[in-house]
Amino acid sequence: MNRFIIGLLAATALTVPAMADEIRPGLLFDLGGKFDKSFNEASYEGAELFKNETGIEYVEFEISNEAQREQALRRFAEDGRNPIVMAGFSWASALEPVAQDYPEVDFAIIDMVVDQPNVRSIVFKEQEGSYLVGMLAGMKSETGTVGFVGGMEIPLIGKFECGYIGGVMAADEGATVIRNYTGDTPAAWNDPTRGGEITRSQIEQGADVVYHAAGGTGVGVLQAAADAGKFGIGVDSNQNHLHPGSVLTSMLKRVDVAVYEAFMDAHNGDFSYGIQNLGLAEDGVGYALDEHNEDLITAEMREAVEAAKAAIIAGEIQVHDFSTDNNCPY
């Protein structure tokens, strides 16, 4: 515990604002670590962009266990950090009492709704972006079998899974989707060895494209797919560069933008509260196309996906939201 307190004191002492009226932002990462090449790292990139554009420093902290959440959050609030952004739904139970105890502090939480007057809750329509990468998987597959590897089996990841299956079926209604999860505890987000094992098992069953929504565990998924000469699909951050030519695409979830905008809105005096629900129409989700995968996506594939994207935005295609109805229809 003493080492934890010392770590927090060091984190909160990283910077002194240049001006008294400057904001003093704080960023708290979820389990899995800042450089998970996925969700947490996207949060970090958004904070870095804000710092580079404004010159305003921020402090950050990486928890190592669940017991540290409320203590870390309270320490940031007591130190005058404002706004405080939390990456991950698991911060919700700690945020509820802390937000009430510090009504003058602006909080933002990603991936969960916390109904407090000083909280911005940022959620995403992951099912919409997953539908698009599912279409690409269905069109790219030569075996008619694709895979999905989730982290914890929770409704949030069900949105990725169900949207992905919908997209696969839209591209190939006879396709088979093999689905597995890596665990039922937070450790599921940071087990690349287990991710690789599951991926190899799915490949043995015929999968030639595997999509992960598993945080740091997904690094093992993408590695195993590349090693086997198959395709992986990244998530949250653009992971195409991890294995150029083997990562078919990545489902972009703009956590970086969520963090950047929370800091920037506070900086501009425009911080707002309530729920933000970001989908394709808001450019909150999407798919990655760059120099690392452009040769993998044919013109026909891109045309089909762009047409589906437009139809989803127009309301002509309704992608099932697993968080409101846990019965995936596909």
C-alpha atoms as a PDB file:
ATOM      1  CA  MET A   1       0.000   0.000   0.000  1.00  0.00           C
ATOM      2  CA  ASN A   2       2.859   2.425   0.827  1.00  0.00           C
ATOM      3  CA  ARG A   3       4.338   1.859  -2.631  1.00  0.00           C
ATOM      4  CA  PHE A   4       0.957   2.675  -4.153  1.00  0.00           C
ATOM      5  CA  ILE A   5       0.698   5.949  -2.191  1.00  0.00           C
ATOM      6  CA  ILE A   6       4.222   6.911  -3.212  1.00  0.00           C
ATOM      7  CA  GLY A   7       3.344   6.165  -6.834  1.00  0.00           C
ATOM      8  CA  LEU A   8       0.297   8.394  -6.665  1.00  0.00           C
ATOM      9  CA  LEU A   9       2.252  11.201  -5.028  1.00  0.00           C
ATOM     10  CA  ALA A  10       4.838  10.953  -7.783  1.00  0.00           C
ATOM     11  CA  ALA A  11       2.160  10.969 -10.454  1.00  0.00           C
ATOM     12  CA  THR A  12       0.407  14.017  -9.056  1.00  0.00           C
ATOM     13  CA  ALA A  13       3.698  15.870  -8.732  1.00  0.00           C
ATOM     14  CA  LEU A  14       4.679  15.431 -12.369  1.00  0.00           C
ATOM     15  CA  THR A  15       3.769  18.959 -13.324  1.00  0.00           C
ATOM     16  CA  VAL A  16       2.875  22.348 -11.938  1.00  0.00           C
ATOM     17  CA  PRO A  17       0.554  24.433 -14.110  1.00  0.00           C
ATOM     18  CA  ALA A  18       2.190  27.415 -15.716  1.00  0.00           C
ATOM     19  CA  MET A  19      -0.781  29.635 -14.883  1.00  0.00           C
ATOM     20  CA  ALA A  20      -3.116  29.525 -11.917  1.00  0.00           C
ATOM     21  CA  ASP A  21      -6.209  29.408 -14.108  1.00  0.00           C
ATOM     22  CA  GLU A  22      -5.019  26.538 -16.290  1.00  0.00           C
ATOM     23  CA  ILE A  23      -6.861  23.276 -16.019  1.00  0.00           C
ATOM     24  CA  ARG A  24      -5.058  20.409 -14.327  1.00  0.00           C
ATOM     25  CA  PRO A  25      -6.133  17.287 -16.260  1.00  0.00           C
ATOM     26  CA  GLY A  26      -5.793  13.756 -14.974  1.00  0.00           C
ATOM     27  CA  LEU A  27      -6.082  10.433 -16.803  1.00  0.00           C
ATOM     28  CA  LEU A  28      -6.619   7.060 -15.120  1.00  0.00           C
ATOM     29  CA  PHE A  29      -5.995   3.927 -17.174  1.00  0.00           C
ATOM     30  CA  ASP A  30      -7.762   0.614 -16.844  1.00  0.00           C
ATOM     31  CA  LEU A  31      -6.099  -2.721 -16.096  1.00  0.00           C
ATOM     32  CA  GLY A  32      -3.932  -3.938 -18.947  1.00  0.00           C
ATOM     33  CA  GLY A  33      -1.544  -1.000 -18.895  1.00  0.00           C
ATOM     34  CA  LYS A  34      -1.038   2.225 -20.786  1.00  0.00           C
ATOM     35  CA  PHE A  35       0.756   0.570 -23.695  1.00  0.00           C
ATOM     36  CA  ASP A  36      -1.696  -2.259 -24.396  1.00  0.00           C
ATOM     37  CA  LYS A  37      -1.677  -1.275 -28.095  1.00  0.00           C
ATOM     38  CA  SER A  38      -5.458  -0.996 -27.866  1.00  0.00           C
ATOM     39  CA  PHE A  39      -7.951   0.719 -25.540  1.00  0.00           C
ATOM     40  CA  ASN A  40      -5.644   2.240 -22.915  1.00  0.00           C
ATOM     41  CA  GLU A  41      -3.095   3.292 -25.490  1.00  0.00           C
ATOM     42  CA  ALA A  42      -5.791   5.116 -27.451  1.00  0.00           C
ATOM     43  CA  SER A  43      -6.638   7.040 -24.273  1.00  0.00           C
ATOM     44  CA  TYR A  44      -2.988   7.956 -23.867  1.00  0.00           C
ATOM     45  CA  GLU A  45      -2.730   9.137 -27.475  1.00  0.00           C
ATOM     46  CA  GLY A  46      -5.693  11.460 -27.013  1.00  0.00           C
ATOM     47  CA  ALA A  47      -4.121  12.985 -23.917  1.00  0.00           C
ATOM     48  CA  GLU A  48      -0.799  13.385 -25.695  1.00  0.00           C
ATOM     49  CA  LEU A  49      -2.473  15.156 -28.610  1.00  0.00           C
ATOM     50  CA  PHE A  50      -4.068  17.600 -26.188  1.00  0.00           C
ATOM     51  CA  LYS A  51      -0.738  18.227 -24.466  1.00  0.00           C
ATOM     52  CA  ASN A  52       1.068  18.771 -27.762  1.00  0.00           C
ATOM     53  CA  GLU A  53      -1.543  21.214 -29.028  1.00  0.00           C
ATOM     54  CA  THR A  54      -1.968  23.253 -25.837  1.00  0.00           C
ATOM     55  CA  GLY A  55       1.278  22.839 -23.945  1.00  0.00           C
ATOM     56  CA  ILE A  56      -0.736  21.878 -20.884  1.00  0.00           C
ATOM     57  CA  GLU A  57       0.630  18.893 -19.012  1.00  0.00           C
ATOM     58  CA  TYR A  58      -1.555  16.177 -17.555  1.00  0.00           C
ATOM     59  CA  VAL A  59      -0.943  13.494 -14.950  1.00  0.00           C
ATOM     60  CA  GLU A  60      -1.700   9.815 -15.389  1.00  0.00           C
ATOM     61  CA  PHE A  61      -1.820   6.666 -13.310  1.00  0.00           C
ATOM     62  CA  GLU A  62      -1.919   2.963 -14.118  1.00  0.00           C
ATOM     63  CA  ILE A  63      -3.657   0.825 -11.519  1.00  0.00           C
ATOM     64  CA  SER A  64      -2.432  -2.710 -10.898  1.00  0.00           C
ATOM     65  CA  ASN A  65      -5.487  -4.089  -9.089  1.00  0.00           C
ATOM     66  CA  GLU A  66      -9.161  -3.354  -8.509  1.00  0.00           C
ATOM     67  CA  ALA A  67      -8.652  -2.192  -4.930  1.00  0.00           C
ATOM     68  CA  GLN A  68      -6.720   0.860  -6.118  1.00  0.00           C
ATOM     69  CA  ARG A  69      -9.531   2.451  -8.133  1.00  0.00           C
ATOM     70  CA  GLU A  70     -11.302   4.588  -5.552  1.00  0.00           C
ATOM     71  CA  GLN A  71      -8.104   5.548  -3.769  1.00  0.00           C
ATOM     72  CA  ALA A  72      -6.502   6.699  -7.027  1.00  0.00           C
ATOM     73  CA  LEU A  73      -9.583   8.647  -8.025  1.00  0.00           C
ATOM     74  CA  ARG A  74      -9.843  10.362  -4.651  1.00  0.00           C
ATOM     75  CA  ARG A  75      -6.160  11.225  -4.665  1.00  0.00           C
ATOM     76  CA  PHE A  76      -6.502  12.931  -8.037  1.00  0.00           C
ATOM     77  CA  ALA A  77      -9.560  14.875  -6.861  1.00  0.00           C
ATOM     78  CA  GLU A  78      -7.923  15.922  -3.592  1.00  0.00           C
ATOM     79  CA  ASP A  79      -4.877  17.128  -5.512  1.00  0.00           C
ATOM     80  CA  GLY A  80      -7.062  19.434  -7.601  1.00  0.00           C
ATOM     81  CA  ARG A  81      -6.987  17.476 -10.838  1.00  0.00           C
ATOM     82  CA  ASN A  82      -9.771  18.714 -13.074  1.00  0.00           C
ATOM     83  CA  PRO A  83     -11.052  17.289 -15.347  1.00  0.00           C
ATOM     84  CA  ILE A  84     -10.404  13.671 -14.467  1.00  0.00           C
ATOM     85  CA  VAL A  85     -10.935  11.116 -17.231  1.00  0.00           C
ATOM     86  CA  MET A  86     -11.240   7.387 -16.572  1.00  0.00           C
ATOM     87  CA  ALA A  87     -10.645   4.814 -19.294  1.00  0.00           C
ATOM     88  CA  GLY A  88     -12.947   1.844 -18.817  1.00  0.00           C
ATOM     89  CA  PHE A  89     -16.335   0.775 -17.498  1.00  0.00           C
ATOM     90  CA  SER A  90     -14.824  -0.726 -14.329  1.00  0.00           C
ATOM     91  CA  TRP A  91     -14.273   2.761 -12.885  1.00  0.00           C
ATOM     92  CA  ALA A  92     -18.019   3.267 -12.437  1.00  0.00           C
ATOM     93  CA  SER A  93     -18.405   1.912  -8.902  1.00  0.00           C
ATOM     94  CA  ALA A  94     -15.510   4.074  -7.655  1.00  0.00           C
ATOM     95  CA  LEU A  95     -16.738   7.138  -9.513  1.00  0.00           C
ATOM     96  CA  GLU A  96     -20.263   7.085  -8.027  1.00  0.00           C
ATOM     97  CA  PRO A  97     -19.252   8.129  -4.478  1.00  0.00           C
ATOM     98  CA  VAL A  98     -16.259  10.227  -5.510  1.00  0.00           C
ATOM     99  CA  ALA A  99     -18.303  12.354  -7.923  1.00  0.00           C
ATOM    100  CA  GLN A 100     -20.747  13.109  -5.107  1.00  0.00           C
ATOM    101  CA  ASP A 101     -17.942  14.007  -2.689  1.00  0.00           C
ATOM    102  CA  TYR A 102     -16.252  16.354  -5.190  1.00  0.00           C
ATOM    103  CA  PRO A 103     -19.120  18.184  -6.963  1.00  0.00           C
ATOM    104  CA  GLU A 104     -16.777  20.926  -8.192  1.00  0.00           C
ATOM    105  CA  VAL A 105     -14.659  18.459 -10.182  1.00  0.00           C
ATOM    106  CA  ASP A 106     -15.532  17.500 -13.757  1.00  0.00           C
ATOM    107  CA  PHE A 107     -15.289  13.785 -14.459  1.00  0.00           C
ATOM    108  CA  ALA A 108     -15.511  11.801 -17.681  1.00  0.00           C
ATOM    109  CA  ILE A 109     -15.840   8.031 -17.852  1.00  0.00           C
ATOM    110  CA  ILE A 110     -15.465   5.983 -21.024  1.00  0.00           C
ATOM    111  CA  ASP A 111     -17.650   2.927 -21.691  1.00  0.00           C
ATOM    112  CA  MET A 112     -20.113   3.363 -18.829  1.00  0.00           C
ATOM    113  CA  VAL A 113     -22.942   5.660 -17.793  1.00  0.00           C
ATOM    114  CA  VAL A 114     -22.706   7.232 -14.338  1.00  0.00           C
ATOM    115  CA  ASP A 115     -25.699   9.411 -13.563  1.00  0.00           C
ATOM    116  CA  GLN A 116     -24.161  12.287 -11.631  1.00  0.00           C
ATOM    117  CA  PRO A 117     -24.471  16.010 -12.477  1.00  0.00           C
ATOM    118  CA  ASN A 118     -20.695  16.497 -12.797  1.00  0.00           C
ATOM    119  CA  VAL A 119     -20.016  13.427 -14.957  1.00  0.00           C
ATOM    120  CA  ARG A 120     -19.720  13.053 -18.716  1.00  0.00           C
ATOM    121  CA  SER A 121     -20.465   9.466 -19.722  1.00  0.00           C
ATOM    122  CA  ILE A 122     -18.974   8.505 -23.088  1.00  0.00           C
ATOM    123  CA  VAL A 123     -20.242   5.333 -24.731  1.00  0.00           C
ATOM    124  CA  PHE A 124     -19.858   4.031 -28.263  1.00  0.00           C
ATOM    125  CA  LYS A 125     -21.895   2.143 -30.830  1.00  0.00           C
ATOM    126  CA  GLU A 126     -19.272  -0.572 -31.137  1.00  0.00           C
ATOM    127  CA  GLN A 127     -21.769  -2.747 -32.961  1.00  0.00           C
ATOM    128  CA  GLU A 128     -21.750  -0.386 -35.954  1.00  0.00           C
ATOM    129  CA  GLY A 129     -17.986  -0.453 -36.479  1.00  0.00           C
ATOM    130  CA  SER A 130     -17.931  -4.189 -35.815  1.00  0.00           C
ATOM    131  CA  TYR A 131     -20.580  -4.717 -38.484  1.00  0.00           C
ATOM    132  CA  LEU A 132     -18.298  -3.098 -41.051  1.00  0.00           C
ATOM    133  CA  VAL A 133     -15.228  -5.181 -40.166  1.00  0.00           C
ATOM    134  CA  GLY A 134     -17.495  -8.242 -40.091  1.00  0.00           C
ATOM    135  CA  MET A 135     -18.456  -7.530 -43.682  1.00  0.00           C
ATOM    136  CA  LEU A 136     -14.790  -7.315 -44.623  1.00  0.00           C
ATOM    137  CA  ALA A 137     -14.104 -10.608 -42.837  1.00  0.00           C
ATOM    138  CA  GLY A 138     -16.989 -12.319 -44.616  1.00  0.00           C
ATOM    139  CA  MET A 139     -15.861 -11.072 -48.009  1.00  0.00           C
ATOM    140  CA  LYS A 140     -12.199 -11.911 -47.405  1.00  0.00           C
ATOM    141  CA  SER A 141     -12.663 -15.397 -45.983  1.00  0.00           C
ATOM    142  CA  GLU A 142     -11.935 -18.270 -48.363  1.00  0.00           C
ATOM    143  CA  THR A 143     -13.136 -20.994 -45.989  1.00  0.00           C
ATOM    144  CA  GLY A 144     -16.464 -19.449 -45.030  1.00  0.00           C
ATOM    145  CA  THR A 145     -15.409 -19.695 -41.372  1.00  0.00           C
ATOM    146  CA  VAL A 146     -14.217 -16.736 -39.305  1.00  0.00           C
ATOM    147  CA  GLY A 147     -13.484 -16.229 -35.621  1.00  0.00           C
ATOM    148  CA  PHE A 148     -14.161 -13.829 -32.770  1.00  0.00           C
ATOM    149  CA  VAL A 149     -12.114 -13.616 -29.569  1.00  0.00           C
ATOM    150  CA  GLY A 150     -13.555 -11.507 -26.751  1.00  0.00           C
ATOM    151  CA  GLY A 151     -12.044 -10.535 -23.421  1.00  0.00           C
ATOM    152  CA  MET A 152     -14.534 -10.669 -20.543  1.00  0.00           C
ATOM    153  CA  GLU A 153     -17.951 -12.020 -21.476  1.00  0.00           C
ATOM    154  CA  ILE A 154     -19.975  -8.912 -20.673  1.00  0.00           C
ATOM    155  CA  PRO A 155     -22.676  -6.965 -22.564  1.00  0.00           C
ATOM    156  CA  LEU A 156     -20.139  -4.369 -23.745  1.00  0.00           C
ATOM    157  CA  ILE A 157     -18.106  -6.995 -25.611  1.00  0.00           C
ATOM    158  CA  GLY A 158     -21.343  -8.601 -26.758  1.00  0.00           C
ATOM    159  CA  LYS A 159     -21.864  -5.431 -28.807  1.00  0.00           C
ATOM    160  CA  PHE A 160     -18.632  -6.133 -30.697  1.00  0.00           C
ATOM    161  CA  GLU A 161     -19.454  -9.802 -31.130  1.00  0.00           C
ATOM    162  CA  CYS A 162     -23.051  -9.411 -32.276  1.00  0.00           C
ATOM    163  CA  GLY A 163     -22.285  -6.534 -34.633  1.00  0.00           C
ATOM    164  CA  TYR A 164     -19.421  -8.508 -36.149  1.00  0.00           C
ATOM    165  CA  ILE A 165     -21.611 -11.549 -36.755  1.00  0.00           C
ATOM    166  CA  GLY A 166     -24.240  -9.335 -38.394  1.00  0.00           C
ATOM    167  CA  GLY A 167     -21.659  -7.957 -40.806  1.00  0.00           C
ATOM    168  CA  VAL A 168     -20.231 -11.381 -41.589  1.00  0.00           C
ATOM    169  CA  MET A 169     -23.722 -12.713 -42.358  1.00  0.00           C
ATOM    170  CA  ALA A 170     -24.523  -9.690 -44.519  1.00  0.00           C
ATOM    171  CA  ALA A 171     -21.507 -10.540 -46.663  1.00  0.00           C
ATOM    172  CA  ASP A 172     -21.981 -14.325 -46.579  1.00  0.00           C
ATOM    173  CA  GLU A 173     -25.215 -15.624 -45.068  1.00  0.00           C
ATOM    174  CA  GLY A 174     -23.840 -19.153 -45.013  1.00  0.00           C
ATOM    175  CA  ALA A 175     -20.713 -18.265 -43.040  1.00  0.00           C
ATOM    176  CA  THR A 176     -19.748 -19.840 -39.716  1.00  0.00           C
ATOM    177  CA  VAL A 177     -18.514 -17.645 -36.845  1.00  0.00           C
ATOM    178  CA  ILE A 178     -16.544 -19.353 -34.054  1.00  0.00           C
ATOM    179  CA  ARG A 179     -16.770 -17.370 -30.816  1.00  0.00           C
ATOM    180  CA  ASN A 180     -14.673 -17.632 -27.662  1.00  0.00           C
ATOM    181  CA  TYR A 181     -13.897 -15.470 -24.635  1.00  0.00           C
ATOM    182  CA  THR A 182     -10.656 -15.403 -22.677  1.00  0.00           C
ATOM    183  CA  GLY A 183     -12.074 -15.192 -19.151  1.00  0.00           C
ATOM    184  CA  ASP A 184     -14.563 -13.807 -16.681  1.00  0.00           C
ATOM    185  CA  THR A 185     -12.243 -11.592 -14.628  1.00  0.00           C
ATOM    186  CA  PRO A 186     -10.284  -8.420 -15.528  1.00  0.00           C
ATOM    187  CA  ALA A 187      -7.251 -10.625 -16.208  1.00  0.00           C
ATOM    188  CA  ALA A 188      -8.976 -11.508 -19.492  1.00  0.00           C
ATOM    189  CA  TRP A 189      -7.799  -8.189 -20.925  1.00  0.00           C
ATOM    190  CA  ASN A 190      -4.113  -8.898 -20.495  1.00  0.00           C
ATOM    191  CA  ASP A 191      -3.408 -12.501 -21.462  1.00  0.00           C
ATOM    192  CA  PRO A 192      -1.876 -12.588 -24.952  1.00  0.00           C
ATOM    193  CA  THR A 193      -0.762 -16.186 -24.451  1.00  0.00           C
ATOM    194  CA  ARG A 194      -4.356 -17.284 -23.952  1.00  0.00           C
ATOM    195  CA  GLY A 195      -5.430 -15.124 -26.884  1.00  0.00           C
ATOM    196  CA  GLY A 196      -2.935 -16.926 -29.106  1.00  0.00           C
ATOM    197  CA  GLU A 197      -4.085 -20.346 -27.913  1.00  0.00           C
ATOM    198  CA  ILE A 198      -7.733 -19.587 -28.685  1.00  0.00           C
ATOM    199  CA  THR A 199      -6.850 -18.189 -32.097  1.00  0.00           C
ATOM    200  CA  ARG A 200      -4.854 -21.266 -33.054  1.00  0.00           C
ATOM    201  CA  SER A 201      -7.795 -23.435 -31.991  1.00  0.00           C
ATOM    202  CA  GLN A 202     -10.168 -21.409 -34.158  1.00  0.00           C
ATOM    203  CA  ILE A 203      -7.783 -21.657 -37.103  1.00  0.00           C
ATOM    204  CA  GLU A 204      -7.637 -25.433 -36.647  1.00  0.00           C
ATOM    205  CA  GLN A 205     -11.433 -25.384 -36.974  1.00  0.00           C
ATOM    206  CA  GLY A 206     -11.186 -23.574 -40.301  1.00  0.00           C
ATOM    207  CA  ALA A 207     -11.199 -19.886 -39.392  1.00  0.00           C
ATOM    208  CA  ASP A 208      -9.057 -17.790 -41.713  1.00  0.00           C
ATOM    209  CA  VAL A 209     -10.024 -14.344 -40.328  1.00  0.00           C
ATOM    210  CA  VAL A 210     -10.141 -13.677 -36.551  1.00  0.00           C
ATOM    211  CA  TYR A 211     -11.435 -10.470 -34.941  1.00  0.00           C
ATOM    212  CA  HIS A 212     -10.539  -9.676 -31.347  1.00  0.00           C
ATOM    213  CA  ALA A 213     -12.140  -7.380 -28.778  1.00  0.00           C
ATOM    214  CA  ALA A 214      -9.856  -8.308 -25.928  1.00  0.00           C
ATOM    215  CA  GLY A 215      -7.538  -5.410 -25.088  1.00  0.00           C
ATOM    216  CA  GLY A 216      -3.934  -6.462 -24.542  1.00  0.00           C
ATOM    217  CA  THR A 217      -4.912 -10.106 -25.012  1.00  0.00           C
ATOM    218  CA  GLY A 218      -5.556  -9.273 -28.646  1.00  0.00           C
ATOM    219  CA  VAL A 219      -1.828  -8.848 -29.282  1.00  0.00           C
ATOM    220  CA  GLY A 220      -1.596 -12.630 -29.006  1.00  0.00           C
ATOM    221  CA  VAL A 221      -4.590 -13.063 -31.313  1.00  0.00           C
ATOM    222  CA  LEU A 222      -3.005 -10.981 -34.065  1.00  0.00           C
ATOM    223  CA  GLN A 223       0.372 -12.682 -33.617  1.00  0.00           C
ATOM    224  CA  ALA A 224      -1.117 -16.173 -33.858  1.00  0.00           C
ATOM    225  CA  ALA A 225      -3.114 -15.287 -36.961  1.00  0.00           C
ATOM    226  CA  ALA A 226      -0.037 -13.806 -38.664  1.00  0.00           C
ATOM    227  CA  ASP A 227       2.107 -16.809 -37.721  1.00  0.00           C
ATOM    228  CA  ALA A 228      -0.460 -19.127 -39.306  1.00  0.00           C
ATOM    229  CA  GLY A 229      -0.711 -17.098 -42.504  1.00  0.00           C
ATOM    230  CA  LYS A 230      -4.257 -16.021 -41.692  1.00  0.00           C
ATOM    231  CA  PHE A 231      -5.804 -12.613 -41.097  1.00  0.00           C
ATOM    232  CA  GLY A 232      -6.459 -10.866 -37.814  1.00  0.00           C
ATOM    233  CA  ILE A 233      -8.668  -7.835 -37.208  1.00  0.00           C
ATOM    234  CA  GLY A 234      -7.567  -5.275 -34.633  1.00  0.00           C
ATOM    235  CA  VAL A 235      -9.711  -3.193 -32.315  1.00  0.00           C
ATOM    236  CA  ASP A 236      -9.961   0.242 -30.665  1.00  0.00           C
ATOM    237  CA  SER A 237      -6.619   1.597 -31.931  1.00  0.00           C
ATOM    238  CA  ASN A 238      -5.385   1.126 -35.482  1.00  0.00           C
ATOM    239  CA  GLN A 239      -3.419  -2.116 -35.129  1.00  0.00           C
ATOM    240  CA  ASN A 240      -2.732  -2.627 -38.833  1.00  0.00           C
ATOM    241  CA  HIS A 241       0.941  -1.815 -38.346  1.00  0.00           C
ATOM    242  CA  LEU A 242       1.535  -4.642 -35.866  1.00  0.00           C
ATOM    243  CA  HIS A 243       1.620  -7.235 -38.648  1.00  0.00           C
ATOM    244  CA  PRO A 244       1.469  -5.456 -42.019  1.00  0.00           C
ATOM    245  CA  GLY A 245      -0.210  -7.627 -44.599  1.00  0.00           C
ATOM    246  CA  SER A 246      -1.728  -9.918 -41.964  1.00  0.00           C
ATOM    247  CA  VAL A 247      -4.071  -7.517 -40.157  1.00  0.00           C
ATOM    248  CA  LEU A 248      -7.036  -7.195 -42.482  1.00  0.00           C
ATOM    249  CA  THR A 249      -8.264  -4.026 -40.794  1.00  0.00           C
ATOM    250  CA  SER A 250      -8.943  -2.609 -37.330  1.00  0.00           C
ATOM    251  CA  MET A 251     -12.251  -1.546 -35.837  1.00  0.00           C
ATOM    252  CA  LEU A 252     -11.542   1.997 -34.725  1.00  0.00           C
ATOM    253  CA  LYS A 253     -13.139   3.140 -31.500  1.00  0.00           C
ATOM    254  CA  ARG A 254     -12.180   6.762 -31.028  1.00  0.00           C
ATOM    255  CA  VAL A 255     -11.275   6.651 -27.377  1.00  0.00           C
ATOM    256  CA  ASP A 256      -8.444   9.020 -28.253  1.00  0.00           C
ATOM    257  CA  VAL A 257     -10.944  11.613 -29.446  1.00  0.00           C
ATOM    258  CA  ALA A 258     -13.070  11.133 -26.317  1.00  0.00           C
ATOM    259  CA  VAL A 259     -10.122  11.908 -24.044  1.00  0.00           C
ATOM    260  CA  TYR A 260      -8.869  14.760 -26.210  1.00  0.00           C
ATOM    261  CA  GLU A 261     -12.290  16.413 -26.340  1.00  0.00           C
ATOM    262  CA  ALA A 262     -12.882  16.053 -22.602  1.00  0.00           C
ATOM    263  CA  PHE A 263      -9.593  17.832 -21.887  1.00  0.00           C
ATOM    264  CA  MET A 264     -10.091  20.416 -24.626  1.00  0.00           C
ATOM    265  CA  ASP A 265     -13.682  21.189 -23.644  1.00  0.00           C
ATOM    266  CA  ALA A 266     -12.535  21.834 -20.082  1.00  0.00           C
ATOM    267  CA  HIS A 267      -9.706  23.999 -21.386  1.00  0.00           C
ATOM    268  CA  ASN A 268     -12.179  26.042 -23.436  1.00  0.00           C
ATOM    269  CA  GLY A 269     -14.751  26.270 -20.646  1.00  0.00           C
ATOM    270  CA  ASP A 270     -17.182  24.084 -22.622  1.00  0.00           C
ATOM    271  CA  PHE A 271     -17.183  20.880 -20.574  1.00  0.00           C
ATOM    272  CA  SER A 272     -20.640  19.299 -20.747  1.00  0.00           C
ATOM    273  CA  TYR A 273     -22.286  16.490 -18.833  1.00  0.00           C
ATOM    274  CA  GLY A 274     -24.622  13.598 -19.491  1.00  0.00           C
ATOM    275  CA  ILE A 275     -24.359  10.849 -22.055  1.00  0.00           C
ATOM    276  CA  GLN A 276     -22.467  10.973 -25.336  1.00  0.00           C
ATOM    277  CA  ASN A 277     -23.222   7.988 -27.584  1.00  0.00           C
ATOM    278  CA  LEU A 278     -20.827   7.916 -30.518  1.00  0.00           C
ATOM    279  CA  GLY A 279     -21.330   5.817 -33.638  1.00  0.00           C
ATOM    280  CA  LEU A 280     -20.608   5.991 -37.349  1.00  0.00           C
ATOM    281  CA  ALA A 281     -22.583   9.202 -37.779  1.00  0.00           C
ATOM    282  CA  GLU A 282     -20.447  10.915 -35.133  1.00  0.00           C
ATOM    283  CA  ASP A 283     -17.193   9.375 -36.435  1.00  0.00           C
ATOM    284  CA  GLY A 284     -16.906   7.615 -33.082  1.00  0.00           C
ATOM    285  CA  VAL A 285     -16.271   4.214 -34.691  1.00  0.00           C
ATOM    286  CA  GLY A 286     -15.057   3.037 -38.079  1.00  0.00           C
ATOM    287  CA  TYR A 287     -12.525   0.823 -39.821  1.00  0.00           C
ATOM    288  CA  ALA A 288      -8.883   1.435 -40.616  1.00  0.00           C
ATOM    289  CA  LEU A 289      -7.521   1.618 -44.137  1.00  0.00           C
ATOM    290  CA  ASP A 290      -3.875   2.614 -44.554  1.00  0.00           C
ATOM    291  CA  GLU A 291      -0.643   1.654 -46.261  1.00  0.00           C
ATOM    292  CA  HIS A 292      -0.402  -1.510 -44.167  1.00  0.00           C
ATOM    293  CA  ASN A 293      -3.646  -3.091 -45.404  1.00  0.00           C
ATOM    294  CA  GLU A 294      -4.698  -1.236 -48.530  1.00  0.00           C
ATOM    295  CA  ASP A 295      -3.596  -4.135 -50.724  1.00  0.00           C
ATOM    296  CA  LEU A 296      -5.831  -6.508 -48.733  1.00  0.00           C
ATOM    297  CA  ILE A 297      -9.058  -4.558 -49.266  1.00  0.00           C
ATOM    298  CA  THR A 298     -10.279  -4.746 -52.854  1.00  0.00           C
ATOM    299  CA  ALA A 299     -12.238  -1.946 -54.494  1.00  0.00           C
ATOM    300  CA  GLU A 300     -15.348  -4.127 -54.388  1.00  0.00           C
ATOM    301  CA  MET A 301     -14.929  -4.759 -50.661  1.00  0.00           C
ATOM    302  CA  ARG A 302     -14.457  -1.098 -49.900  1.00  0.00           C
ATOM    303  CA  GLU A 303     -17.435  -0.097 -52.030  1.00  0.00           C
ATOM    304  CA  ALA A 304     -19.673  -2.595 -50.238  1.00  0.00           C
ATOM    305  CA  VAL A 305     -18.546  -1.457 -46.797  1.00  0.00           C
ATOM    306  CA  GLU A 306     -18.916   2.231 -47.610  1.00  0.00           C
ATOM    307  CA  ALA A 307     -22.443   1.562 -48.896  1.00  0.00           C
ATOM    308  CA  ALA A 308     -23.278  -0.245 -45.655  1.00  0.00           C
ATOM    309  CA  LYS A 309     -21.791   2.587 -43.623  1.00  0.00           C
ATOM    310  CA  ALA A 310     -23.997   5.116 -45.419  1.00  0.00           C
ATOM    311  CA  ALA A 311     -27.038   2.908 -44.932  1.00  0.00           C
ATOM    312  CA  ILE A 312     -26.377   2.563 -41.199  1.00  0.00           C
ATOM    313  CA  ILE A 313     -25.994   6.319 -40.810  1.00  0.00           C
ATOM    314  CA  ALA A 314     -29.220   6.849 -42.779  1.00  0.00           C
ATOM    315  CA  GLY A 315     -31.056   4.329 -40.609  1.00  0.00           C
ATOM    316  CA  GLU A 316     -31.639   1.938 -43.489  1.00  0.00           C
ATOM    317  CA  ILE A 317     -29.614  -0.782 -41.762  1.00  0.00           C
ATOM    318  CA  GLN A 318     -30.304  -1.318 -38.067  1.00  0.00           C
ATOM    319  CA  VAL A 319     -27.395  -3.024 -36.316  1.00  0.00           C
ATOM    320  CA  HIS A 320     -28.459  -4.933 -33.226  1.00  0.00           C
ATOM    321  CA  ASP A 321     -27.389  -3.310 -29.929  1.00  0.00           C
ATOM    322  CA  PHE A 322     -26.524  -6.132 -27.552  1.00  0.00           C
ATOM    323  CA  SER A 323     -26.400  -3.776 -24.562  1.00  0.00           C
ATOM    324  CA  THR A 324     -30.137  -3.135 -24.795  1.00  0.00           C
ATOM    325  CA  ASP A 325     -31.161  -6.625 -25.928  1.00  0.00           C
ATOM    326  CA  ASN A 326     -28.893  -9.505 -24.983  1.00  0.00           C
ATOM    327  CA  ASN A 327     -30.443 -11.816 -27.572  1.00  0.00           C
ATOM    328  CA  CYS A 328     -28.224 -11.539 -30.636  1.00  0.00           C
ATOM    329  CA  PRO A 329     -30.490 -12.317 -33.617  1.00  0.00           C
ATOM    330  CA  TYR A 330     -27.768 -13.568 -35.943  1.00  0.00           C
END
